[in-house]
Amino acid sequence: MKKHFFSSKGIILGALVVVSFFMVQCTKSSSSDSSYTCQSDVSYSKTIKPILDQNCNYAGCHDDVTITSLANYQFVHDGAPQIKISVLSGRMPKGKALATADKNALYCWIDNGAKNN
């Protein structure tokens, strides 16, 4: 008897492999930034602004020509929820990754009201 390429065992096995792959990917991406230790005293001027200046405020990124600069507290404060979403999703910073400590500082600062401190 000739074996068919799309046998029921092959389809089931293939489906299990695909489902397993997506489950691992979802677990990996959701756990990487979902829990962090938060320090409530994260300072905008001492911690957040330097992170943004080093990773975001440069030509071709947030430079007021390409898109609004993140060098101004009020713009950063007003955009804080979107900044957090963009960092969590990996869309920002564009072309590189923030250190875990920098991500945690951003998340904590935003979660604690994005104060101008």
C-alpha atoms as a PDB file:
ATOM      1  CA  MET A   1       0.000   0.000   0.000  1.00  0.00           C
ATOM      2  CA  LYS A   2       1.331   3.391  -0.976  1.00  0.00           C
ATOM      3  CA  LYS A   3       1.798   5.989   1.798  1.00  0.00           C
ATOM      4  CA  HIS A   4       0.177   9.349   1.240  1.00  0.00           C
ATOM      5  CA  PHE A   5       2.138  12.471   2.069  1.00  0.00           C
ATOM      6  CA  PHE A   6      -0.841  13.977   3.880  1.00  0.00           C
ATOM      7  CA  SER A   7      -1.738  11.044   6.108  1.00  0.00           C
ATOM      8  CA  SER A   8      -3.819  11.725   9.201  1.00  0.00           C
ATOM      9  CA  LYS A   9      -0.842  10.951  11.480  1.00  0.00           C
ATOM     10  CA  GLY A  10       1.341  13.377   9.531  1.00  0.00           C
ATOM     11  CA  ILE A  11      -1.239  16.137   9.702  1.00  0.00           C
ATOM     12  CA  ILE A  12      -1.754  15.653  13.430  1.00  0.00           C
ATOM     13  CA  LEU A  13       1.985  15.599  14.079  1.00  0.00           C
ATOM     14  CA  GLY A  14       2.499  18.717  11.953  1.00  0.00           C
ATOM     15  CA  ALA A  15      -0.323  20.519  13.734  1.00  0.00           C
ATOM     16  CA  LEU A  16       1.170  19.639  17.128  1.00  0.00           C
ATOM     17  CA  VAL A  17       4.559  20.974  16.081  1.00  0.00           C
ATOM     18  CA  VAL A  18       3.041  24.260  14.864  1.00  0.00           C
ATOM     19  CA  VAL A  19       0.905  24.700  17.998  1.00  0.00           C
ATOM     20  CA  SER A  20       3.890  23.902  20.233  1.00  0.00           C
ATOM     21  CA  PHE A  21       6.026  26.454  18.397  1.00  0.00           C
ATOM     22  CA  PHE A  22       3.448  29.210  18.890  1.00  0.00           C
ATOM     23  CA  MET A  23       2.939  28.321  22.535  1.00  0.00           C
ATOM     24  CA  VAL A  24       6.673  28.588  23.185  1.00  0.00           C
ATOM     25  CA  GLN A  25       6.873  31.910  21.327  1.00  0.00           C
ATOM     26  CA  CYS A  26       3.940  33.374  23.255  1.00  0.00           C
ATOM     27  CA  THR A  27       5.348  32.213  26.554  1.00  0.00           C
ATOM     28  CA  LYS A  28       8.771  33.581  25.737  1.00  0.00           C
ATOM     29  CA  SER A  29       7.613  37.006  24.644  1.00  0.00           C
ATOM     30  CA  SER A  30       5.035  37.514  27.370  1.00  0.00           C
ATOM     31  CA  SER A  31       7.304  36.498  30.226  1.00  0.00           C
ATOM     32  CA  SER A  32      10.306  38.576  29.192  1.00  0.00           C
ATOM     33  CA  ASP A  33       8.860  41.916  30.337  1.00  0.00           C
ATOM     34  CA  SER A  34       5.710  41.050  32.239  1.00  0.00           C
ATOM     35  CA  SER A  35       7.299  41.016  35.688  1.00  0.00           C
ATOM     36  CA  TYR A  36       9.888  43.413  36.989  1.00  0.00           C
ATOM     37  CA  THR A  37      11.044  44.795  40.283  1.00  0.00           C
ATOM     38  CA  CYS A  38       9.905  48.368  40.561  1.00  0.00           C
ATOM     39  CA  GLN A  39      11.668  51.126  42.447  1.00  0.00           C
ATOM     40  CA  SER A  40       9.161  53.908  43.148  1.00  0.00           C
ATOM     41  CA  ASP A  41      11.839  56.596  43.286  1.00  0.00           C
ATOM     42  CA  VAL A  42      12.998  56.408  39.644  1.00  0.00           C
ATOM     43  CA  SER A  43      13.992  59.934  38.611  1.00  0.00           C
ATOM     44  CA  TYR A  44      13.135  61.448  35.238  1.00  0.00           C
ATOM     45  CA  SER A  45      16.157  63.756  35.196  1.00  0.00           C
ATOM     46  CA  LYS A  46      18.709  61.282  36.573  1.00  0.00           C
ATOM     47  CA  THR A  47      17.501  58.015  35.001  1.00  0.00           C
ATOM     48  CA  ILE A  48      14.828  58.315  32.304  1.00  0.00           C
ATOM     49  CA  LYS A  49      16.154  61.290  30.322  1.00  0.00           C
ATOM     50  CA  PRO A  50      19.645  59.756  30.006  1.00  0.00           C
ATOM     51  CA  ILE A  51      18.106  56.461  28.780  1.00  0.00           C
ATOM     52  CA  LEU A  52      16.058  58.307  26.162  1.00  0.00           C
ATOM     53  CA  ASP A  53      18.979  60.532  25.144  1.00  0.00           C
ATOM     54  CA  GLN A  54      21.227  57.528  24.619  1.00  0.00           C
ATOM     55  CA  ASN A  55      18.717  55.267  22.879  1.00  0.00           C
ATOM     56  CA  CYS A  56      16.085  57.469  21.241  1.00  0.00           C
ATOM     57  CA  ASN A  57      17.054  61.127  20.819  1.00  0.00           C
ATOM     58  CA  TYR A  58      19.339  61.063  17.802  1.00  0.00           C
ATOM     59  CA  ALA A  59      19.213  61.830  14.087  1.00  0.00           C
ATOM     60  CA  GLY A  60      16.876  59.521  12.225  1.00  0.00           C
ATOM     61  CA  CYS A  61      14.883  58.586  15.293  1.00  0.00           C
ATOM     62  CA  HIS A  62      13.282  61.034  17.760  1.00  0.00           C
ATOM     63  CA  ASP A  63      14.963  64.187  16.479  1.00  0.00           C
ATOM     64  CA  ASP A  64      11.993  66.538  15.816  1.00  0.00           C
ATOM     65  CA  VAL A  65      12.574  66.028  12.088  1.00  0.00           C
ATOM     66  CA  THR A  66      11.786  62.323  11.801  1.00  0.00           C
ATOM     67  CA  ILE A  67       9.386  62.261  14.755  1.00  0.00           C
ATOM     68  CA  THR A  68       8.865  64.295  17.927  1.00  0.00           C
ATOM     69  CA  SER A  69      11.922  64.429  20.138  1.00  0.00           C
ATOM     70  CA  LEU A  70      11.764  62.721  23.487  1.00  0.00           C
ATOM     71  CA  ALA A  71      14.128  65.297  24.992  1.00  0.00           C
ATOM     72  CA  ASN A  72      11.267  67.366  26.432  1.00  0.00           C
ATOM     73  CA  TYR A  73       9.675  66.171  29.677  1.00  0.00           C
ATOM     74  CA  GLN A  74       6.134  67.149  28.665  1.00  0.00           C
ATOM     75  CA  PHE A  75       6.296  65.152  25.400  1.00  0.00           C
ATOM     76  CA  VAL A  76       7.679  62.134  27.259  1.00  0.00           C
ATOM     77  CA  HIS A  77       5.056  62.435  30.007  1.00  0.00           C
ATOM     78  CA  ASP A  78       2.195  62.787  27.516  1.00  0.00           C
ATOM     79  CA  GLY A  79       3.484  59.850  25.461  1.00  0.00           C
ATOM     80  CA  ALA A  80       4.392  57.633  28.433  1.00  0.00           C
ATOM     81  CA  PRO A  81       1.677  54.988  27.888  1.00  0.00           C
ATOM     82  CA  GLN A  82       2.634  54.647  24.201  1.00  0.00           C
ATOM     83  CA  ILE A  83       6.336  54.567  25.052  1.00  0.00           C
ATOM     84  CA  LYS A  84       5.720  51.675  27.463  1.00  0.00           C
ATOM     85  CA  ILE A  85       3.677  49.768  24.868  1.00  0.00           C
ATOM     86  CA  SER A  86       6.339  50.352  22.205  1.00  0.00           C
ATOM     87  CA  VAL A  87       9.167  49.174  24.473  1.00  0.00           C
ATOM     88  CA  LEU A  88       7.177  46.166  25.710  1.00  0.00           C
ATOM     89  CA  SER A  89       6.387  45.126  22.135  1.00  0.00           C
ATOM     90  CA  GLY A  90       9.995  45.548  21.013  1.00  0.00           C
ATOM     91  CA  ARG A  91       9.156  48.243  18.439  1.00  0.00           C
ATOM     92  CA  MET A  92      11.307  50.735  20.302  1.00  0.00           C
ATOM     93  CA  PRO A  93      14.037  51.571  20.381  1.00  0.00           C
ATOM     94  CA  LYS A  94      14.291  51.037  16.656  1.00  0.00           C
ATOM     95  CA  GLY A  95      17.125  48.740  15.624  1.00  0.00           C
ATOM     96  CA  LYS A  96      18.385  47.932  19.115  1.00  0.00           C
ATOM     97  CA  ALA A  97      17.303  46.597  22.472  1.00  0.00           C
ATOM     98  CA  LEU A  98      17.282  48.304  25.824  1.00  0.00           C
ATOM     99  CA  ALA A  99      19.066  46.733  28.753  1.00  0.00           C
ATOM    100  CA  THR A 100      16.683  45.042  31.179  1.00  0.00           C
ATOM    101  CA  ALA A 101      17.534  47.585  33.893  1.00  0.00           C
ATOM    102  CA  ASP A 102      16.672  50.449  31.525  1.00  0.00           C
ATOM    103  CA  LYS A 103      13.358  48.839  30.546  1.00  0.00           C
ATOM    104  CA  ASN A 104      12.497  48.282  34.207  1.00  0.00           C
ATOM    105  CA  ALA A 105      13.338  51.895  35.052  1.00  0.00           C
ATOM    106  CA  LEU A 106      11.090  53.149  32.240  1.00  0.00           C
ATOM    107  CA  TYR A 107       8.217  50.871  33.257  1.00  0.00           C
ATOM    108  CA  CYS A 108       8.520  51.846  36.931  1.00  0.00           C
ATOM    109  CA  TRP A 109       8.697  55.550  36.192  1.00  0.00           C
ATOM    110  CA  ILE A 110       5.610  55.334  33.970  1.00  0.00           C
ATOM    111  CA  ASP A 111       3.719  53.082  36.398  1.00  0.00           C
ATOM    112  CA  ASN A 112       4.420  55.554  39.223  1.00  0.00           C
ATOM    113  CA  GLY A 113       2.900  58.525  37.406  1.00  0.00           C
ATOM    114  CA  ALA A 114       5.724  59.647  35.080  1.00  0.00           C
ATOM    115  CA  LYS A 115       6.719  62.427  37.494  1.00  0.00           C
ATOM    116  CA  ASN A 116       9.041  65.298  36.619  1.00  0.00           C
ATOM    117  CA  ASN A 117      11.558  64.501  39.317  1.00  0.00           C
END
